[in-house]
Amino acid sequence: LVLATLLIPIPQAVKVVRNKSSDGISLPTLHLTVLFGSANIASTVAVKWRTLKMCASKGVACAGGLDLFQQCAAVVSWLFTMGCILAYLHPDSHRRVHRAAFAVLLVLVAGMIGV
């Protein structure tokens, strides 16, 4: 399941890179998808903090943390896809605004993961 979650956005990234165009891609949807995934990571850490802390103190992997790994994989793959799309934005598409939003999103993701 973790691997499948990681692979979901890859066809979209491949299409963008192959066509060297991000025409037809909704950037606000991608921004919201990454933000949603990051919020899921933060909430999972908050809810399962005791379990994760116990597993870390014993030096063992625990099944209770698998969904956290799945959510991290999803966010990483969507960030990769978003990076590919931003690399091939049409010149008239307010590229600076989207790249700035991407930078802010990266900071938010890092902050949520650090929670």
N, C-alpha and C. Protein backbone atom coordinates (compact mmCIF):
# COMPACT_ATOMS: atom_id res chain seq x y z
N LEU A 1 0.83 -1.20 0.00
CA LEU A 1 0.00 0.00 0.00
C LEU A 1 0.86 1.25 0.00
N VAL A 2 1.96 1.21 0.77
CA VAL A 2 2.85 2.37 0.79
C VAL A 2 3.43 2.60 -0.59
N LEU A 3 3.87 1.54 -1.25
CA LEU A 3 4.45 1.65 -2.59
C LEU A 3 3.42 2.16 -3.59
N ALA A 4 2.20 1.64 -3.52
CA ALA A 4 1.14 2.09 -4.42
C ALA A 4 0.84 3.57 -4.22
N THR A 5 0.83 4.02 -2.98
CA THR A 5 0.58 5.42 -2.69
C THR A 5 1.68 6.30 -3.28
N LEU A 6 2.89 5.81 -3.23
CA LEU A 6 4.02 6.54 -3.78
C LEU A 6 3.92 6.66 -5.30
N LEU A 7 3.37 5.65 -5.95
CA LEU A 7 3.33 5.61 -7.41
C LEU A 7 2.16 6.35 -8.04
N ILE A 8 1.14 6.69 -7.29
CA ILE A 8 -0.08 7.29 -7.85
C ILE A 8 0.19 8.53 -8.70
N PRO A 9 0.96 9.52 -8.24
CA PRO A 9 1.13 10.72 -9.07
C PRO A 9 2.18 10.60 -10.17
N ILE A 10 2.94 9.52 -10.20
CA ILE A 10 4.04 9.40 -11.15
C ILE A 10 3.59 9.47 -12.62
N PRO A 11 2.49 8.82 -13.03
CA PRO A 11 2.08 8.96 -14.43
C PRO A 11 1.83 10.41 -14.85
N GLN A 12 1.31 11.21 -13.94
CA GLN A 12 1.08 12.61 -14.26
C GLN A 12 2.42 13.33 -14.48
N ALA A 13 3.39 13.05 -13.61
CA ALA A 13 4.72 13.67 -13.76
C ALA A 13 5.37 13.23 -15.07
N VAL A 14 5.25 11.95 -15.40
CA VAL A 14 5.83 11.43 -16.64
C VAL A 14 5.20 12.11 -17.85
N LYS A 15 3.89 12.28 -17.83
CA LYS A 15 3.19 12.94 -18.93
C LYS A 15 3.69 14.38 -19.10
N VAL A 16 3.84 15.09 -18.01
CA VAL A 16 4.30 16.48 -18.07
C VAL A 16 5.71 16.55 -18.63
N VAL A 17 6.59 15.68 -18.14
CA VAL A 17 7.98 15.69 -18.60
C VAL A 17 8.07 15.27 -20.06
N ARG A 18 7.33 14.24 -20.44
CA ARG A 18 7.36 13.76 -21.83
C ARG A 18 6.85 14.83 -22.79
N ASN A 19 5.76 15.52 -22.43
CA ASN A 19 5.20 16.56 -23.29
C ASN A 19 5.88 17.91 -23.12
N LYS A 20 6.70 18.04 -22.10
CA LYS A 20 7.37 19.31 -21.77
C LYS A 20 6.37 20.46 -21.66
N SER A 21 5.24 20.12 -21.05
CA SER A 21 4.17 21.10 -20.88
C SER A 21 3.30 20.69 -19.70
N SER A 22 2.85 21.67 -18.94
CA SER A 22 1.94 21.39 -17.84
C SER A 22 0.53 21.87 -18.16
N ASP A 23 0.25 22.05 -19.44
CA ASP A 23 -1.09 22.48 -19.85
C ASP A 23 -2.14 21.49 -19.36
N GLY A 24 -3.22 22.02 -18.82
CA GLY A 24 -4.32 21.19 -18.35
C GLY A 24 -4.17 20.71 -16.92
N ILE A 25 -3.08 21.06 -16.26
CA ILE A 25 -2.86 20.63 -14.88
C ILE A 25 -3.33 21.75 -13.95
N SER A 26 -4.07 21.39 -12.95
CA SER A 26 -4.57 22.36 -11.97
C SER A 26 -3.56 22.50 -10.83
N LEU A 27 -2.82 23.59 -10.82
CA LEU A 27 -1.84 23.80 -9.75
C LEU A 27 -2.48 24.01 -8.39
N PRO A 28 -3.59 24.74 -8.28
CA PRO A 28 -4.21 24.85 -6.96
C PRO A 28 -4.59 23.48 -6.38
N THR A 29 -5.05 22.57 -7.24
CA THR A 29 -5.39 21.23 -6.77
C THR A 29 -4.16 20.52 -6.24
N LEU A 30 -3.04 20.64 -6.95
CA LEU A 30 -1.80 20.02 -6.48
C LEU A 30 -1.34 20.63 -5.16
N HIS A 31 -1.41 21.95 -5.06
CA HIS A 31 -1.02 22.61 -3.80
C HIS A 31 -1.88 22.10 -2.65
N LEU A 32 -3.17 22.01 -2.86
CA LEU A 32 -4.06 21.53 -1.81
C LEU A 32 -3.81 20.05 -1.48
N THR A 33 -3.48 19.25 -2.49
CA THR A 33 -3.20 17.83 -2.25
C THR A 33 -1.98 17.67 -1.35
N VAL A 34 -0.92 18.43 -1.64
CA VAL A 34 0.30 18.34 -0.82
C VAL A 34 0.02 18.88 0.59
N LEU A 35 -0.71 19.96 0.69
CA LEU A 35 -1.04 20.52 1.99
C LEU A 35 -1.90 19.53 2.80
N PHE A 36 -2.86 18.90 2.15
CA PHE A 36 -3.70 17.89 2.79
C PHE A 36 -2.85 16.72 3.31
N GLY A 37 -1.94 16.25 2.46
CA GLY A 37 -1.07 15.15 2.87
C GLY A 37 -0.19 15.52 4.05
N SER A 38 0.31 16.73 4.03
CA SER A 38 1.15 17.19 5.14
C SER A 38 0.35 17.31 6.44
N ALA A 39 -0.88 17.78 6.33
CA ALA A 39 -1.74 17.85 7.51
C ALA A 39 -2.04 16.45 8.04
N ASN A 40 -2.17 15.47 7.14
CA ASN A 40 -2.37 14.09 7.58
C ASN A 40 -1.17 13.57 8.35
N ILE A 41 0.02 13.93 7.88
CA ILE A 41 1.24 13.51 8.59
C ILE A 41 1.25 14.11 9.99
N ALA A 42 0.98 15.40 10.07
CA ALA A 42 0.99 16.07 11.37
C ALA A 42 -0.06 15.47 12.31
N SER A 43 -1.25 15.21 11.79
CA SER A 43 -2.29 14.65 12.66
C SER A 43 -1.96 13.21 13.08
N THR A 44 -1.35 12.44 12.20
CA THR A 44 -0.97 11.08 12.55
C THR A 44 0.08 11.08 13.65
N VAL A 45 1.05 11.97 13.51
CA VAL A 45 2.09 12.07 14.55
C VAL A 45 1.46 12.49 15.87
N ALA A 46 0.55 13.44 15.83
CA ALA A 46 -0.08 13.91 17.06
C ALA A 46 -0.91 12.81 17.73
N VAL A 47 -1.68 12.08 16.93
CA VAL A 47 -2.55 11.05 17.49
C VAL A 47 -1.76 9.83 17.97
N LYS A 48 -0.72 9.48 17.25
CA LYS A 48 0.02 8.26 17.57
C LYS A 48 1.36 8.55 18.25
N TRP A 49 1.51 9.72 18.80
CA TRP A 49 2.78 10.11 19.38
C TRP A 49 3.30 9.10 20.41
N ARG A 50 2.44 8.67 21.31
CA ARG A 50 2.88 7.72 22.35
C ARG A 50 3.35 6.40 21.74
N THR A 51 2.60 5.90 20.78
CA THR A 51 2.98 4.64 20.13
C THR A 51 4.29 4.79 19.39
N LEU A 52 4.44 5.88 18.65
CA LEU A 52 5.68 6.11 17.91
C LEU A 52 6.87 6.27 18.84
N LYS A 53 6.65 6.97 19.94
CA LYS A 53 7.72 7.18 20.92
C LYS A 53 8.14 5.85 21.55
N MET A 54 7.15 5.01 21.87
CA MET A 54 7.44 3.71 22.46
C MET A 54 8.24 2.84 21.48
N CYS A 55 7.82 2.82 20.23
CA CYS A 55 8.52 2.03 19.22
C CYS A 55 9.95 2.54 19.04
N ALA A 56 10.13 3.84 19.05
CA ALA A 56 11.47 4.40 18.88
C ALA A 56 12.36 4.08 20.08
N SER A 57 11.79 4.10 21.28
CA SER A 57 12.60 3.81 22.47
C SER A 57 13.04 2.35 22.52
N LYS A 58 12.24 1.46 21.94
CA LYS A 58 12.59 0.04 21.92
C LYS A 58 13.45 -0.32 20.70
N GLY A 59 13.58 0.63 19.78
CA GLY A 59 14.38 0.38 18.59
C GLY A 59 13.78 -0.63 17.63
N VAL A 60 12.45 -0.69 17.63
CA VAL A 60 11.78 -1.63 16.73
C VAL A 60 10.78 -0.89 15.86
N ALA A 61 10.49 -1.47 14.72
CA ALA A 61 9.44 -0.92 13.87
C ALA A 61 8.10 -1.40 14.40
N CYS A 62 7.10 -0.58 14.30
CA CYS A 62 5.78 -1.00 14.77
C CYS A 62 4.75 -0.79 13.69
N ALA A 63 3.78 -1.67 13.67
CA ALA A 63 2.73 -1.61 12.66
C ALA A 63 1.92 -0.31 12.77
N GLY A 64 1.87 0.26 13.96
CA GLY A 64 1.10 1.50 14.15
C GLY A 64 1.67 2.69 13.40
N GLY A 65 2.90 2.58 12.95
CA GLY A 65 3.52 3.70 12.23
C GLY A 65 3.49 3.55 10.73
N LEU A 66 2.93 2.44 10.23
CA LEU A 66 2.94 2.21 8.79
C LEU A 66 2.14 3.26 8.02
N ASP A 67 1.02 3.69 8.59
CA ASP A 67 0.25 4.71 7.89
C ASP A 67 1.01 6.02 7.81
N LEU A 68 1.86 6.29 8.79
CA LEU A 68 2.70 7.49 8.74
C LEU A 68 3.67 7.40 7.57
N PHE A 69 4.27 6.23 7.37
CA PHE A 69 5.18 6.05 6.24
C PHE A 69 4.44 6.19 4.91
N GLN A 70 3.23 5.69 4.86
CA GLN A 70 2.42 5.81 3.65
C GLN A 70 2.14 7.27 3.33
N GLN A 71 1.77 8.03 4.35
CA GLN A 71 1.46 9.44 4.13
C GLN A 71 2.71 10.23 3.74
N CYS A 72 3.85 9.90 4.33
CA CYS A 72 5.11 10.56 3.96
C CYS A 72 5.46 10.25 2.51
N ALA A 73 5.28 8.99 2.10
CA ALA A 73 5.55 8.61 0.71
C ALA A 73 4.65 9.37 -0.25
N ALA A 74 3.39 9.52 0.12
CA ALA A 74 2.45 10.25 -0.75
C ALA A 74 2.87 11.70 -0.90
N VAL A 75 3.22 12.35 0.19
CA VAL A 75 3.62 13.76 0.13
C VAL A 75 4.88 13.93 -0.71
N VAL A 76 5.84 13.03 -0.53
CA VAL A 76 7.08 13.12 -1.31
C VAL A 76 6.79 12.96 -2.80
N SER A 77 5.95 12.00 -3.16
CA SER A 77 5.66 11.78 -4.57
C SER A 77 4.88 12.94 -5.18
N TRP A 78 3.95 13.52 -4.42
CA TRP A 78 3.21 14.68 -4.93
C TRP A 78 4.12 15.90 -5.04
N LEU A 79 5.06 16.06 -4.11
CA LEU A 79 6.02 17.16 -4.22
C LEU A 79 6.89 16.99 -5.46
N PHE A 80 7.30 15.77 -5.75
CA PHE A 80 8.07 15.50 -6.96
C PHE A 80 7.26 15.86 -8.20
N THR A 81 6.01 15.43 -8.22
CA THR A 81 5.14 15.73 -9.35
C THR A 81 4.95 17.23 -9.51
N MET A 82 4.74 17.93 -8.40
CA MET A 82 4.57 19.37 -8.46
C MET A 82 5.84 20.05 -8.99
N GLY A 83 6.99 19.55 -8.57
CA GLY A 83 8.25 20.11 -9.07
C GLY A 83 8.38 19.94 -10.57
N CYS A 84 8.00 18.77 -11.09
CA CYS A 84 8.03 18.54 -12.54
C CYS A 84 7.09 19.50 -13.27
N ILE A 85 5.93 19.68 -12.71
CA ILE A 85 4.94 20.56 -13.34
C ILE A 85 5.42 22.01 -13.32
N LEU A 86 5.99 22.45 -12.22
CA LEU A 86 6.49 23.81 -12.14
C LEU A 86 7.65 24.04 -13.10
N ALA A 87 8.41 23.01 -13.39
CA ALA A 87 9.52 23.14 -14.33
C ALA A 87 9.03 23.38 -15.75
N TYR A 88 7.81 22.94 -16.05
CA TYR A 88 7.28 23.07 -17.41
C TYR A 88 6.05 23.97 -17.50
N LEU A 89 5.97 24.95 -16.62
CA LEU A 89 4.86 25.88 -16.68
C LEU A 89 4.95 26.74 -17.94
N HIS A 90 3.82 27.05 -18.49
CA HIS A 90 3.76 27.95 -19.63
C HIS A 90 4.22 29.33 -19.17
N PRO A 91 4.99 30.04 -19.99
CA PRO A 91 5.52 31.35 -19.57
C PRO A 91 4.45 32.35 -19.13
N ASP A 92 3.24 32.21 -19.64
CA ASP A 92 2.17 33.16 -19.29
C ASP A 92 1.41 32.76 -18.03
N SER A 93 1.87 31.79 -17.29
CA SER A 93 1.08 31.24 -16.20
C SER A 93 1.48 31.74 -14.81
N HIS A 94 2.05 32.91 -14.74
CA HIS A 94 2.45 33.48 -13.45
C HIS A 94 3.39 32.53 -12.70
N ARG A 95 4.43 32.12 -13.38
CA ARG A 95 5.39 31.13 -12.87
C ARG A 95 5.94 31.52 -11.50
N ARG A 96 6.24 32.79 -11.30
CA ARG A 96 6.81 33.22 -10.01
C ARG A 96 5.85 32.97 -8.86
N VAL A 97 4.59 33.25 -9.09
CA VAL A 97 3.59 33.05 -8.04
C VAL A 97 3.50 31.57 -7.66
N HIS A 98 3.48 30.71 -8.65
CA HIS A 98 3.38 29.27 -8.38
C HIS A 98 4.64 28.75 -7.69
N ARG A 99 5.79 29.24 -8.11
CA ARG A 99 7.03 28.79 -7.46
C ARG A 99 7.11 29.30 -6.03
N ALA A 100 6.63 30.51 -5.81
CA ALA A 100 6.60 31.03 -4.43
C ALA A 100 5.65 30.21 -3.58
N ALA A 101 4.50 29.86 -4.14
CA ALA A 101 3.55 29.02 -3.41
C ALA A 101 4.16 27.65 -3.11
N PHE A 102 4.92 27.12 -4.05
CA PHE A 102 5.60 25.84 -3.85
C PHE A 102 6.61 25.95 -2.72
N ALA A 103 7.36 27.04 -2.68
CA ALA A 103 8.35 27.23 -1.61
C ALA A 103 7.67 27.32 -0.25
N VAL A 104 6.57 28.06 -0.19
CA VAL A 104 5.82 28.16 1.06
C VAL A 104 5.29 26.79 1.46
N LEU A 105 4.81 26.04 0.49
CA LEU A 105 4.31 24.70 0.75
C LEU A 105 5.40 23.79 1.31
N LEU A 106 6.60 23.89 0.76
CA LEU A 106 7.72 23.09 1.28
C LEU A 106 8.01 23.42 2.74
N VAL A 107 7.96 24.70 3.07
CA VAL A 107 8.19 25.12 4.45
C VAL A 107 7.09 24.56 5.36
N LEU A 108 5.86 24.64 4.90
CA LEU A 108 4.75 24.10 5.69
C LEU A 108 4.88 22.58 5.88
N VAL A 109 5.25 21.89 4.81
CA VAL A 109 5.43 20.44 4.91
C VAL A 109 6.51 20.12 5.93
N ALA A 110 7.64 20.82 5.83
CA ALA A 110 8.73 20.58 6.79
C ALA A 110 8.27 20.86 8.22
N GLY A 111 7.50 21.93 8.38
CA GLY A 111 6.99 22.26 9.72
C GLY A 111 6.03 21.22 10.25
N MET A 112 5.15 20.73 9.39
CA MET A 112 4.19 19.72 9.82
C MET A 112 4.87 18.39 10.13
N ILE A 113 5.88 18.04 9.34
CA ILE A 113 6.59 16.80 9.59
C ILE A 113 7.38 16.93 10.89
N GLY A 114 7.88 18.12 11.16
CA GLY A 114 8.65 18.35 12.39
C GLY A 114 7.81 18.38 13.64
N VAL A 115 6.48 18.47 13.50
CA VAL A 115 5.61 18.48 14.66
C VAL A 115 5.75 17.17 15.36
